[in-house]
């Protein structure tokens, strides 16, 4: 099944503590239906000293949020929009916003 969001997309958070925030999708966790968005849902992680963190201490990292709480940004209006899927002239699958603006190609034609 095609997802309305993929890695590298600019998305807007629709609900929750970070409502209205726009960020880039860094990672998608398909099995849990979640996405990690840059600058959203940051939490502190306490780490021991290691080679990666020689001082140890508290490190801020982004935690995943549910996919239903984010919408891809429409390049035309710069706001979050719902997505529909349509087939192009050459047989590729495209993501379109509700007003018809193309957001991106999902699957290239063979």
N, C-alpha and C. Protein backbone atom coordinates (compact mmCIF):
# COMPACT_ATOMS: atom_id res chain seq x y z
N UNK A 1 0.84 -1.19 0.00
CA UNK A 1 0.00 0.00 0.00
C UNK A 1 0.88 1.24 0.00
N UNK A 2 0.51 2.22 -0.80
CA UNK A 2 1.29 3.44 -0.89
C UNK A 2 1.04 4.33 0.33
N UNK A 3 2.06 4.99 0.77
CA UNK A 3 1.97 5.90 1.90
C UNK A 3 1.83 7.34 1.38
N UNK A 4 1.16 8.17 2.14
CA UNK A 4 1.01 9.55 1.72
C UNK A 4 2.24 10.39 2.06
N UNK A 5 3.18 9.79 2.80
CA UNK A 5 4.41 10.48 3.19
C UNK A 5 5.59 9.56 2.91
N UNK A 6 6.71 10.12 2.45
CA UNK A 6 7.91 9.34 2.27
C UNK A 6 9.12 10.13 2.78
N UNK A 7 10.24 9.46 2.91
CA UNK A 7 11.45 10.06 3.44
C UNK A 7 11.87 11.26 2.59
N UNK A 8 12.22 12.35 3.25
CA UNK A 8 12.66 13.55 2.56
C UNK A 8 11.56 14.57 2.32
N UNK A 9 10.31 14.21 2.54
CA UNK A 9 9.20 15.14 2.36
C UNK A 9 9.19 16.21 3.43
N UNK A 10 8.69 17.37 3.08
CA UNK A 10 8.40 18.40 4.06
C UNK A 10 6.97 18.18 4.53
N UNK A 11 6.79 18.10 5.85
CA UNK A 11 5.47 17.82 6.41
C UNK A 11 5.11 18.86 7.47
N UNK A 12 3.80 18.98 7.72
CA UNK A 12 3.30 19.86 8.76
C UNK A 12 2.62 19.00 9.81
N UNK A 13 2.90 19.29 11.09
CA UNK A 13 2.27 18.56 12.19
C UNK A 13 0.87 19.14 12.39
N UNK A 14 -0.13 18.26 12.40
CA UNK A 14 -1.53 18.68 12.44
C UNK A 14 -2.07 18.72 13.87
N UNK A 15 -1.65 17.79 14.72
CA UNK A 15 -2.16 17.74 16.09
C UNK A 15 -1.02 17.55 17.07
N UNK A 16 -1.32 17.79 18.33
CA UNK A 16 -0.35 17.53 19.38
C UNK A 16 0.40 18.77 19.83
N UNK A 17 1.44 18.54 20.59
CA UNK A 17 2.22 19.60 21.20
C UNK A 17 2.90 20.50 20.16
N UNK A 18 3.30 19.92 19.03
CA UNK A 18 4.04 20.66 18.00
C UNK A 18 3.15 21.05 16.83
N UNK A 19 1.87 21.26 17.07
CA UNK A 19 0.92 21.58 16.01
C UNK A 19 1.37 22.83 15.24
N UNK A 20 1.36 22.74 13.91
CA UNK A 20 1.75 23.86 13.06
C UNK A 20 3.21 23.86 12.67
N UNK A 21 4.02 23.00 13.27
CA UNK A 21 5.44 22.94 12.96
C UNK A 21 5.67 22.24 11.63
N UNK A 22 6.59 22.79 10.83
CA UNK A 22 6.94 22.18 9.55
C UNK A 22 8.35 21.63 9.67
N UNK A 23 8.55 20.40 9.19
CA UNK A 23 9.86 19.78 9.26
C UNK A 23 10.03 18.73 8.18
N UNK A 24 11.25 18.24 8.05
CA UNK A 24 11.58 17.24 7.04
C UNK A 24 11.53 15.84 7.65
N UNK A 25 10.98 14.88 6.89
CA UNK A 25 10.90 13.50 7.36
C UNK A 25 12.28 12.87 7.23
N UNK A 26 12.81 12.40 8.35
CA UNK A 26 14.15 11.80 8.37
C UNK A 26 14.08 10.29 8.20
N UNK A 27 13.01 9.66 8.72
CA UNK A 27 12.90 8.21 8.70
C UNK A 27 11.44 7.81 8.84
N UNK A 28 11.07 6.69 8.21
CA UNK A 28 9.72 6.16 8.34
C UNK A 28 9.80 4.74 8.90
N UNK A 29 8.98 4.47 9.90
CA UNK A 29 8.91 3.14 10.50
C UNK A 29 7.58 2.53 10.07
N UNK A 30 7.60 1.73 9.01
CA UNK A 30 6.39 1.20 8.40
C UNK A 30 5.65 0.26 9.34
N UNK A 31 6.38 -0.59 10.07
CA UNK A 31 5.72 -1.59 10.93
C UNK A 31 4.89 -0.94 12.03
N UNK A 32 5.30 0.23 12.50
CA UNK A 32 4.58 0.92 13.57
C UNK A 32 3.75 2.09 13.06
N UNK A 33 3.80 2.34 11.74
CA UNK A 33 3.05 3.42 11.11
C UNK A 33 3.44 4.78 11.71
N UNK A 34 4.74 5.00 11.85
CA UNK A 34 5.25 6.22 12.45
C UNK A 34 6.35 6.84 11.59
N UNK A 35 6.61 8.12 11.85
CA UNK A 35 7.66 8.83 11.12
C UNK A 35 8.46 9.70 12.09
N UNK A 36 9.74 9.86 11.80
CA UNK A 36 10.60 10.74 12.59
C UNK A 36 10.76 12.03 11.80
N UNK A 37 10.34 13.15 12.39
CA UNK A 37 10.37 14.45 11.73
C UNK A 37 11.41 15.32 12.42
N UNK A 38 12.21 15.99 11.62
CA UNK A 38 13.29 16.83 12.13
C UNK A 38 12.74 17.98 12.98
N UNK A 39 13.22 18.06 14.23
CA UNK A 39 12.84 19.15 15.12
C UNK A 39 11.51 18.96 15.83
N UNK A 40 10.87 17.80 15.68
CA UNK A 40 9.56 17.56 16.28
C UNK A 40 9.67 16.40 17.26
N UNK A 41 9.00 16.53 18.41
CA UNK A 41 8.94 15.48 19.44
C UNK A 41 10.34 15.12 19.95
N UNK A 42 11.11 16.15 20.29
CA UNK A 42 12.47 15.94 20.81
C UNK A 42 12.41 15.56 22.28
N UNK A 43 13.21 14.56 22.66
CA UNK A 43 13.28 14.09 24.04
C UNK A 43 14.74 13.99 24.45
N UNK A 44 14.97 14.06 25.77
CA UNK A 44 16.32 13.89 26.30
C UNK A 44 16.61 12.41 26.50
N UNK A 45 17.80 12.01 26.13
CA UNK A 45 18.26 10.64 26.38
C UNK A 45 19.53 10.75 27.21
N UNK A 46 19.56 10.04 28.32
CA UNK A 46 20.72 10.06 29.20
C UNK A 46 21.68 8.97 28.75
N UNK A 47 22.91 9.38 28.40
CA UNK A 47 23.87 8.42 27.87
C UNK A 47 25.12 8.38 28.74
N UNK A 48 25.68 7.19 28.82
CA UNK A 48 26.95 7.02 29.53
C UNK A 48 28.09 7.45 28.62
N UNK A 49 29.23 7.76 29.21
CA UNK A 49 30.38 8.10 28.37
C UNK A 49 30.77 6.92 27.46
N UNK A 50 30.99 7.23 26.20
CA UNK A 50 31.39 6.21 25.22
C UNK A 50 32.25 6.91 24.17
N UNK A 51 32.65 6.18 23.15
CA UNK A 51 33.44 6.81 22.10
C UNK A 51 32.63 7.86 21.35
N UNK A 52 31.35 7.56 21.14
CA UNK A 52 30.49 8.51 20.43
C UNK A 52 30.21 9.75 21.28
N UNK A 53 29.95 9.55 22.58
CA UNK A 53 29.69 10.64 23.52
C UNK A 53 30.71 10.57 24.65
N UNK A 54 31.92 11.12 24.46
CA UNK A 54 32.97 10.98 25.46
C UNK A 54 32.62 11.60 26.82
N UNK A 55 31.81 12.67 26.82
CA UNK A 55 31.44 13.30 28.08
C UNK A 55 30.23 12.63 28.73
N UNK A 56 29.43 11.92 27.91
CA UNK A 56 28.18 11.38 28.44
C UNK A 56 27.18 12.50 28.59
N UNK A 57 26.20 12.33 29.46
CA UNK A 57 25.25 13.40 29.75
C UNK A 57 23.91 13.22 29.06
N UNK A 58 23.25 14.35 28.80
CA UNK A 58 21.92 14.33 28.18
C UNK A 58 22.02 14.74 26.72
N UNK A 59 21.40 13.95 25.85
CA UNK A 59 21.42 14.21 24.41
C UNK A 59 19.98 14.31 23.95
N UNK A 60 19.66 15.32 23.14
CA UNK A 60 18.31 15.45 22.60
C UNK A 60 18.21 14.69 21.29
N UNK A 61 17.16 13.85 21.18
CA UNK A 61 16.93 13.11 19.95
C UNK A 61 15.44 13.23 19.58
N UNK A 62 15.15 13.08 18.27
CA UNK A 62 13.77 13.11 17.80
C UNK A 62 13.14 11.73 17.98
N UNK A 63 11.94 11.71 18.50
CA UNK A 63 11.19 10.48 18.67
C UNK A 63 10.13 10.40 17.56
N UNK A 64 9.72 9.19 17.18
CA UNK A 64 8.73 9.07 16.11
C UNK A 64 7.34 9.54 16.54
N UNK A 65 6.57 10.05 15.57
CA UNK A 65 5.18 10.41 15.80
C UNK A 65 4.32 9.65 14.80
N UNK A 66 3.04 9.51 15.11
CA UNK A 66 2.16 8.71 14.26
C UNK A 66 1.92 9.43 12.93
N UNK A 67 1.80 8.64 11.86
CA UNK A 67 1.64 9.19 10.51
C UNK A 67 0.33 9.95 10.35
N UNK A 68 -0.68 9.62 11.16
CA UNK A 68 -1.96 10.31 11.05
C UNK A 68 -1.88 11.75 11.57
N UNK A 69 -0.81 12.08 12.28
CA UNK A 69 -0.66 13.41 12.85
C UNK A 69 0.13 14.37 11.97
N UNK A 70 0.54 13.93 10.77
CA UNK A 70 1.31 14.79 9.89
C UNK A 70 0.72 14.75 8.48
N UNK A 71 0.87 15.87 7.77
CA UNK A 71 0.41 15.98 6.39
C UNK A 71 1.54 16.55 5.53
N UNK A 72 1.68 16.08 4.29
CA UNK A 72 2.70 16.65 3.42
C UNK A 72 2.37 18.10 3.07
N UNK A 73 3.41 18.91 2.90
CA UNK A 73 3.22 20.33 2.59
C UNK A 73 3.00 20.49 1.09
N UNK A 74 1.95 21.23 0.76
CA UNK A 74 1.65 21.55 -0.64
C UNK A 74 2.65 22.61 -1.10
N UNK A 75 3.42 22.38 -2.18
CA UNK A 75 4.42 23.37 -2.61
C UNK A 75 3.79 24.69 -3.07
N UNK A 76 2.55 24.64 -3.47
CA UNK A 76 1.86 25.83 -3.97
C UNK A 76 1.43 26.76 -2.84
N UNK A 77 0.85 26.19 -1.77
CA UNK A 77 0.32 26.99 -0.67
C UNK A 77 1.20 26.99 0.57
N UNK A 78 2.19 26.12 0.63
CA UNK A 78 3.09 25.98 1.79
C UNK A 78 2.35 25.59 3.06
N UNK A 79 1.26 24.85 2.92
CA UNK A 79 0.51 24.35 4.07
C UNK A 79 0.30 22.85 3.91
N UNK A 80 -0.03 22.19 5.01
CA UNK A 80 -0.31 20.76 4.96
C UNK A 80 -1.57 20.48 4.16
N UNK A 81 -1.56 19.40 3.38
CA UNK A 81 -2.71 19.07 2.55
C UNK A 81 -2.93 17.57 2.52
N UNK A 82 -4.18 17.17 2.32
CA UNK A 82 -4.48 15.76 2.15
C UNK A 82 -4.02 15.33 0.77
N UNK A 83 -3.83 14.02 0.60
CA UNK A 83 -3.24 13.49 -0.62
C UNK A 83 -4.16 12.49 -1.28
N UNK A 84 -4.18 12.52 -2.60
CA UNK A 84 -4.84 11.47 -3.38
C UNK A 84 -3.82 10.95 -4.38
N UNK A 85 -4.04 9.73 -4.85
CA UNK A 85 -3.12 9.11 -5.79
C UNK A 85 -3.77 9.04 -7.16
N UNK A 86 -2.98 9.31 -8.20
CA UNK A 86 -3.49 9.25 -9.57
C UNK A 86 -2.41 8.65 -10.46
N UNK A 87 -2.83 8.10 -11.58
CA UNK A 87 -1.89 7.51 -12.53
C UNK A 87 -1.61 8.54 -13.62
N UNK A 88 -0.32 8.72 -13.95
CA UNK A 88 0.08 9.66 -14.97
C UNK A 88 -0.09 9.10 -16.37
N UNK A 89 0.28 9.89 -17.37
CA UNK A 89 0.14 9.49 -18.77
C UNK A 89 1.01 8.29 -19.12
N UNK A 90 2.18 8.22 -18.53
CA UNK A 90 3.12 7.13 -18.83
C UNK A 90 2.94 5.93 -17.91
N UNK A 91 1.97 5.95 -17.04
CA UNK A 91 1.71 4.83 -16.16
C UNK A 91 2.33 4.94 -14.78
N UNK A 92 3.00 6.06 -14.47
CA UNK A 92 3.59 6.22 -13.15
C UNK A 92 2.51 6.63 -12.15
N UNK A 93 2.73 6.31 -10.91
CA UNK A 93 1.79 6.64 -9.84
C UNK A 93 2.24 7.95 -9.21
N UNK A 94 1.35 8.94 -9.13
CA UNK A 94 1.69 10.27 -8.62
C UNK A 94 0.88 10.57 -7.37
N UNK A 95 1.48 11.39 -6.50
CA UNK A 95 0.76 11.92 -5.35
C UNK A 95 0.29 13.33 -5.71
N UNK A 96 -0.98 13.58 -5.54
CA UNK A 96 -1.55 14.89 -5.82
C UNK A 96 -2.22 15.42 -4.56
N UNK A 97 -2.12 16.74 -4.37
CA UNK A 97 -2.87 17.34 -3.27
C UNK A 97 -4.33 17.43 -3.71
N UNK A 98 -5.20 17.75 -2.81
CA UNK A 98 -6.62 17.80 -3.11
C UNK A 98 -6.93 18.84 -4.20
N UNK A 99 -6.16 19.94 -4.25
CA UNK A 99 -6.41 20.96 -5.29
C UNK A 99 -5.76 20.60 -6.63
N UNK A 100 -5.05 19.47 -6.70
CA UNK A 100 -4.50 19.00 -7.97
C UNK A 100 -3.02 19.26 -8.16
N UNK A 101 -2.35 19.92 -7.23
CA UNK A 101 -0.92 20.18 -7.33
C UNK A 101 -0.15 18.89 -7.10
N UNK A 102 0.85 18.62 -7.95
CA UNK A 102 1.64 17.39 -7.81
C UNK A 102 2.63 17.54 -6.66
N UNK A 103 2.66 16.56 -5.78
CA UNK A 103 3.60 16.55 -4.66
C UNK A 103 4.81 15.71 -4.99
N UNK A 104 4.63 14.62 -5.73
CA UNK A 104 5.77 13.78 -6.11
C UNK A 104 5.33 12.48 -6.71
N UNK A 105 6.27 11.85 -7.41
CA UNK A 105 6.02 10.55 -8.03
C UNK A 105 6.28 9.47 -7.00
N UNK A 106 5.36 8.53 -6.87
CA UNK A 106 5.51 7.43 -5.93
C UNK A 106 6.24 6.27 -6.57
N UNK A 107 5.79 5.88 -7.77
CA UNK A 107 6.35 4.71 -8.44
C UNK A 107 6.52 5.03 -9.92
N UNK A 108 7.73 4.87 -10.42
CA UNK A 108 8.02 5.15 -11.83
C UNK A 108 7.44 4.06 -12.72
N UNK A 109 7.12 4.43 -13.94
CA UNK A 109 6.62 3.46 -14.91
C UNK A 109 7.77 2.58 -15.38
N UNK A 110 7.46 1.32 -15.69
CA UNK A 110 8.50 0.39 -16.11
C UNK A 110 8.74 0.47 -17.59
